[in-house]
Protein backbone atom coordinates (compact mmCIF):
# COMPACT_ATOMS: atom_id res chain seq x y z
CA MET A 1 61.89 25.98 43.36
CA SER A 2 63.19 28.63 45.83
CA ASN A 3 60.77 30.07 48.44
CA GLU A 4 60.95 33.52 46.72
CA ALA A 5 59.69 32.01 43.53
CA GLY A 6 56.89 30.05 45.23
CA ILE A 7 55.69 33.05 47.33
CA ARG A 8 56.08 36.04 44.97
CA PRO A 9 52.71 35.57 43.08
CA TYR A 10 50.81 35.96 46.30
CA VAL A 11 52.16 39.44 47.17
CA ASP A 12 49.27 41.87 47.59
CA THR A 13 46.65 39.06 47.75
CA THR A 14 44.97 37.64 50.94
CA ILE A 15 46.37 34.66 52.31
CA SER A 16 45.90 32.36 55.30
CA VAL A 17 49.00 31.21 57.36
CA ILE A 18 48.69 28.22 59.88
CA THR A 19 51.62 28.65 62.27
CA ASN A 20 53.53 25.65 64.04
CA ASP A 21 51.76 26.63 67.24
CA GLY A 22 48.32 26.15 65.76
CA ARG A 23 47.34 29.68 65.13
CA SER A 24 45.43 30.77 61.98
CA ILE A 25 46.28 34.28 60.63
CA VAL A 26 44.75 35.85 57.57
CA GLY A 27 45.95 39.12 56.00
CA VAL A 28 47.24 40.78 52.84
CA LEU A 29 50.84 39.64 52.13
CA ARG A 30 52.93 42.72 51.63
CA GLY A 31 56.55 41.21 51.61
CA PHE A 32 58.77 38.47 52.53
CA ASP A 33 62.42 37.70 52.76
CA GLN A 34 64.90 35.01 51.96
CA THR A 35 64.20 33.06 55.22
CA CYS A 36 60.37 33.23 54.46
CA ASN A 37 59.50 35.89 57.22
CA LEU A 38 56.10 37.35 56.06
CA ILE A 39 54.68 40.84 56.48
CA LEU A 40 51.00 40.81 56.60
CA ASP A 41 48.69 43.81 56.41
CA GLU A 42 44.86 44.13 57.38
CA CYS A 43 45.58 41.06 59.39
CA HIS A 44 43.47 39.24 61.86
CA GLU A 45 43.67 35.89 63.79
CA ARG A 46 40.91 33.28 63.62
CA VAL A 47 40.35 31.69 66.99
CA TYR A 48 38.38 28.46 66.68
CA SER A 49 36.20 26.93 69.41
CA SER A 50 33.98 23.80 69.65
CA LYS A 51 31.62 25.83 71.88
CA ALA A 52 31.39 29.28 70.29
CA GLY A 53 31.76 30.89 66.92
CA VAL A 54 35.11 31.92 65.39
CA GLU A 55 36.47 34.87 67.24
CA GLN A 56 38.47 37.21 64.95
CA LEU A 57 41.26 39.22 66.68
CA VAL A 58 42.44 42.36 64.77
CA LEU A 59 46.17 42.36 64.39
CA GLY A 60 46.74 45.05 61.84
CA LEU A 61 50.35 44.98 60.41
CA TYR A 62 51.97 41.66 61.39
CA VAL A 63 55.16 39.97 61.06
CA ILE A 64 55.33 36.08 61.12
CA ARG A 65 58.72 34.46 61.27
CA GLY A 66 59.55 31.89 58.61
CA ASP A 67 60.64 29.18 61.14
CA ASN A 68 57.08 29.52 62.67
CA ILE A 69 55.14 28.79 59.40
CA ALA A 70 53.44 25.29 58.90
CA VAL A 71 51.14 26.26 55.96
CA ILE A 72 50.40 29.19 53.54
CA GLY A 73 47.34 29.34 51.44
CA GLU A 74 45.61 31.62 49.14
CA VAL A 75 42.18 32.86 50.36
CA ASP A 76 39.20 32.93 48.07
CA GLU A 77 37.74 36.26 49.16
CA GLU A 78 34.23 35.74 47.69
CA ARG A 79 33.89 32.21 49.55
CA ASP A 80 35.39 33.69 52.64
CA ALA A 81 32.90 36.58 52.77
CA GLN A 82 30.02 34.07 52.55
CA LEU A 83 31.11 32.12 55.72
CA ASP A 84 29.06 32.48 58.87
CA PHE A 85 31.96 32.80 61.44
CA ASP A 86 29.45 33.06 64.31
CA GLY A 87 27.82 29.65 63.53
CA LEU A 88 30.96 27.93 62.67
CA ARG A 89 32.27 25.38 65.42
CA ALA A 90 35.60 23.80 65.07
CA GLU A 91 38.28 22.39 67.52
CA PRO A 92 41.50 24.59 67.90
CA LEU A 93 44.49 23.22 65.96
CA GLN A 94 46.95 21.46 67.98
CA PRO A 95 50.69 22.68 67.74
CA VAL A 96 52.89 20.96 65.12
CA THR A 97 55.16 18.34 66.64
CA HIS A 98 58.45 17.21 65.14
């Protein structure tokens, strides 16, 4: 299956992207190209910490290069809205090593 066929069903839905450098970015997928570059709208980065709650940095419209993507997943918006990000503690993700 090509990247296009695998990603197309997620256009106009909220997705989460983990990048190779360990960033967690959430936004609405607006488009993509043949090299899996993504265009996300209404986007924010979730910065995790073991000492404080999750910080959510507003990014707005954002482009992620396809060669920097480790994982793409669909976000369950109902469950996501129920999470207490101020009380959530987690170690930051480490960069992907090859």
